[in-house]
Amino acid sequence: MRQRGEAAVLTLGHGVRYRRLSPTTMPGFEVYESSYPPGSSSSQDGEFLRHSGHEMGSVLSGTLTVEIGFERYELEAGDAITFPSTTPHRIRNPGEAPAVAVWINMP
C-alpha cells in the first residue's frame, strides 16, 4: 500500500510531471499519471524520443498531441493510444489548459 503524498514524482524542467500510480515497481510495466502544463512537451527541447518497449496512454482531461513517426494524433479526454517506443515519438500539450493522462510503459 502507498498513501497519498508517498508517490514517486518526476518533474521535467518545463513542468511535465510523472507520478507513479503503483505502490511499488511492477515487473514488466510502469503506470504513471502524467500532467502536462499548457505548451509543455515530453522532451526538454521538443525533440522526438525513442527507447525500448511499448507504451499505452489514455487522456483523462485536456488535449494532447501525440506524434509517432510521421503520424500526428490529437487526443482528448477519453481517447487512448498505443505504440512501440522504438518509433520516434513526442507528446505535447498545445492547449491553454493543463492535460492529464494515465500512461503505461512496458520495457
Protein backbone atom coordinates (compact mmCIF):
# COMPACT_ATOMS: atom_id res chain seq x y z
CA MET A 1 0.00 0.00 0.00
CA ARG A 2 1.03 3.56 -0.67
CA GLN A 3 -0.69 6.59 0.79
CA ARG A 4 -1.31 9.91 -0.88
CA GLY A 5 1.83 12.02 -0.88
CA GLU A 6 4.15 8.99 -0.93
CA ALA A 7 4.14 8.53 -4.72
CA ALA A 8 7.40 8.95 -6.59
CA VAL A 9 7.15 12.09 -8.76
CA LEU A 10 9.48 13.08 -11.59
CA THR A 11 9.17 16.70 -12.76
CA LEU A 12 10.86 17.76 -16.00
CA GLY A 13 12.32 21.24 -16.48
CA HIS A 14 9.28 22.56 -18.36
CA GLY A 15 6.75 21.33 -15.77
CA VAL A 16 5.66 17.92 -17.07
CA ARG A 17 5.12 15.66 -14.05
CA TYR A 18 5.12 11.88 -13.97
CA ARG A 19 3.63 10.39 -10.78
CA ARG A 20 3.94 6.63 -10.29
CA LEU A 21 0.50 5.14 -9.63
CA SER A 22 1.59 1.70 -8.44
CA PRO A 23 2.69 1.41 -4.80
CA THR A 24 5.95 -0.28 -5.85
CA THR A 25 7.84 -1.04 -9.04
CA MET A 26 5.95 -3.69 -11.01
CA PRO A 27 7.80 -6.28 -13.11
CA GLY A 28 7.15 -5.78 -16.81
CA PHE A 29 5.39 -2.40 -16.72
CA GLU A 30 5.17 1.01 -15.11
CA VAL A 31 1.98 3.06 -14.61
CA TYR A 32 2.09 6.85 -14.34
CA GLU A 33 -0.22 9.80 -14.13
CA SER A 34 1.28 12.38 -16.50
CA SER A 35 0.44 16.06 -16.09
CA TYR A 36 1.27 18.46 -18.94
CA PRO A 37 1.02 22.23 -18.36
CA PRO A 38 -0.08 24.32 -21.37
CA GLY A 39 2.66 24.43 -24.03
CA SER A 40 4.75 21.66 -22.45
CA SER A 41 6.34 18.64 -24.14
CA SER A 42 7.57 15.17 -23.14
CA SER A 43 11.12 16.14 -24.07
CA GLN A 44 13.18 19.07 -22.86
CA ASP A 45 13.71 20.71 -26.26
CA GLY A 46 10.71 19.27 -28.08
CA GLU A 47 12.83 16.58 -29.75
CA PHE A 48 11.48 13.14 -30.55
CA LEU A 49 12.22 10.34 -28.09
CA ARG A 50 12.98 6.70 -28.84
CA HIS A 51 13.61 3.83 -26.43
CA SER A 52 12.86 0.15 -25.96
CA GLY A 53 9.41 -1.13 -25.06
CA HIS A 54 5.79 -0.30 -25.77
CA GLU A 55 3.51 2.48 -24.50
CA MET A 56 -0.19 2.99 -23.93
CA GLY A 57 -1.76 6.25 -22.83
CA SER A 58 -5.28 7.42 -22.04
CA VAL A 59 -6.14 11.12 -21.67
CA LEU A 60 -8.17 11.96 -18.57
CA SER A 61 -8.51 15.72 -19.15
CA GLY A 62 -7.31 18.37 -21.57
CA THR A 63 -5.80 17.74 -25.00
CA LEU A 64 -2.52 16.09 -26.00
CA THR A 65 -0.84 15.97 -29.40
CA VAL A 66 0.97 12.65 -29.83
CA GLU A 67 3.39 12.42 -32.73
CA ILE A 68 4.60 8.93 -33.64
CA GLY A 69 6.96 8.73 -36.60
CA PHE A 70 5.23 10.72 -39.36
CA GLU A 71 1.74 10.41 -37.83
CA ARG A 72 0.08 13.03 -35.61
CA TYR A 73 -2.86 12.36 -33.28
CA GLU A 74 -4.95 14.85 -31.29
CA LEU A 75 -6.20 13.12 -28.14
CA GLU A 76 -8.92 14.46 -25.87
CA ALA A 77 -10.42 13.14 -22.63
CA GLY A 78 -11.41 9.50 -23.11
CA ASP A 79 -9.07 8.92 -26.09
CA ALA A 80 -6.30 6.31 -25.87
CA ILE A 81 -3.29 5.34 -27.97
CA THR A 82 -0.67 2.60 -28.05
CA PHE A 83 2.62 2.36 -29.96
CA PRO A 84 6.08 0.81 -29.90
CA SER A 85 8.51 3.06 -28.01
CA THR A 86 11.20 2.32 -30.61
CA THR A 87 9.31 4.57 -33.06
CA PRO A 88 10.38 8.23 -32.62
CA HIS A 89 7.66 9.99 -30.64
CA ARG A 90 6.80 13.07 -28.62
CA ILE A 91 3.82 14.23 -26.62
CA ARG A 92 2.79 17.87 -26.32
CA ASN A 93 0.03 19.91 -24.76
CA PRO A 94 -0.87 22.51 -27.40
CA GLY A 95 -3.83 23.83 -25.42
CA GLU A 96 -4.35 26.60 -22.91
CA ALA A 97 -5.45 24.24 -20.12
CA PRO A 98 -3.46 21.54 -18.30
CA ALA A 99 -3.74 17.99 -19.63
CA VAL A 100 -3.63 14.80 -17.56
CA ALA A 101 -3.19 11.23 -18.83
CA VAL A 102 -2.53 7.76 -17.46
CA TRP A 103 0.49 6.24 -19.17
CA ILE A 104 1.65 2.62 -19.14
CA ASN A 105 5.22 1.83 -20.20
CA MET A 106 6.24 -1.77 -20.86
CA PRO A 107 10.03 -2.11 -21.17
